[in-house]
């Protein structure tokens, strides 16, 4: 996979988060659904960033609307 074992160990301990490219390498190596793994990875990033925010629900709804608007 060309990912250093020490870095993988940090992922496992929660000391470091994988990049999108690393997530895609894991998906390919383990023959996992790429889209499903990316959704899990991205949702973890968002949840981590918003976990201590009282307005997290409102932020997510606003972000959803912005994404829909930008896709038009």
Protein backbone atom coordinates (compact mmCIF):
# COMPACT_ATOMS: atom_id res chain seq x y z
CA UNK A 1 0.00 0.00 0.00
CA UNK A 2 3.03 2.24 0.36
CA UNK A 3 1.88 3.48 3.77
CA UNK A 4 4.44 3.28 6.54
CA UNK A 5 3.58 0.80 9.31
CA UNK A 6 4.21 3.47 11.97
CA UNK A 7 1.59 5.70 10.35
CA UNK A 8 -0.92 2.84 10.23
CA UNK A 9 -0.25 2.22 13.92
CA UNK A 10 -1.04 5.88 14.63
CA UNK A 11 -4.34 5.50 12.75
CA UNK A 12 -5.21 2.49 14.89
CA UNK A 13 -4.41 4.35 18.13
CA UNK A 14 -6.31 7.43 17.02
CA UNK A 15 -3.18 9.59 17.12
CA UNK A 16 -3.50 10.49 13.46
CA UNK A 17 -6.23 10.61 10.83
CA UNK A 18 -5.71 9.16 7.35
CA UNK A 19 -5.78 11.35 4.27
CA UNK A 20 -8.30 10.82 1.50
CA UNK A 21 -5.59 9.21 -0.62
CA UNK A 22 -4.73 6.78 2.17
CA UNK A 23 -8.40 5.88 2.63
CA UNK A 24 -8.61 5.12 -1.09
CA UNK A 25 -5.50 2.91 -0.83
CA UNK A 26 -7.10 0.97 2.03
CA UNK A 27 -10.28 0.51 0.02
CA UNK A 28 -8.35 -0.83 -2.97
CA UNK A 29 -6.05 -3.06 -0.91
CA UNK A 30 -8.85 -4.61 1.16
CA UNK A 31 -11.33 -4.64 -1.75
CA UNK A 32 -13.81 -2.47 0.16
CA UNK A 33 -16.50 -0.27 -1.32
CA UNK A 34 -14.68 3.00 -2.02
CA UNK A 35 -17.76 5.21 -1.70
CA UNK A 36 -18.84 3.62 1.58
CA UNK A 37 -15.37 4.05 3.07
CA UNK A 38 -15.14 7.67 1.92
CA UNK A 39 -18.55 8.44 3.44
CA UNK A 40 -17.42 6.94 6.76
CA UNK A 41 -14.12 8.88 6.63
CA UNK A 42 -15.74 12.21 5.75
CA UNK A 43 -18.49 11.82 8.34
CA UNK A 44 -15.87 11.07 10.99
CA UNK A 45 -14.05 14.29 10.05
CA UNK A 46 -17.23 16.35 10.28
CA UNK A 47 -18.33 14.71 13.54
CA UNK A 48 -14.91 15.31 15.11
CA UNK A 49 -14.96 18.98 14.11
CA UNK A 50 -18.49 19.55 15.40
CA UNK A 51 -18.65 17.26 18.42
CA UNK A 52 -18.37 20.07 20.98
CA UNK A 53 -20.58 22.57 19.17
CA UNK A 54 -24.04 23.22 20.58
CA UNK A 55 -25.21 24.34 17.13
CA UNK A 56 -23.94 21.26 15.29
CA UNK A 57 -27.39 20.26 13.99
CA UNK A 58 -28.02 23.73 12.61
CA UNK A 59 -24.54 23.86 11.09
CA UNK A 60 -25.09 20.56 9.29
CA UNK A 61 -28.45 21.69 7.93
CA UNK A 62 -26.95 24.98 6.71
CA UNK A 63 -24.05 23.11 5.10
CA UNK A 64 -26.49 20.77 3.35
CA UNK A 65 -28.34 23.72 1.88
CA UNK A 66 -25.09 25.34 0.72
CA UNK A 67 -23.99 22.11 -0.97
CA UNK A 68 -27.33 21.79 -2.76
CA UNK A 69 -27.09 25.42 -3.89
CA UNK A 70 -23.53 25.02 -5.20
CA UNK A 71 -24.46 21.89 -7.16
CA UNK A 72 -27.07 23.82 -9.15
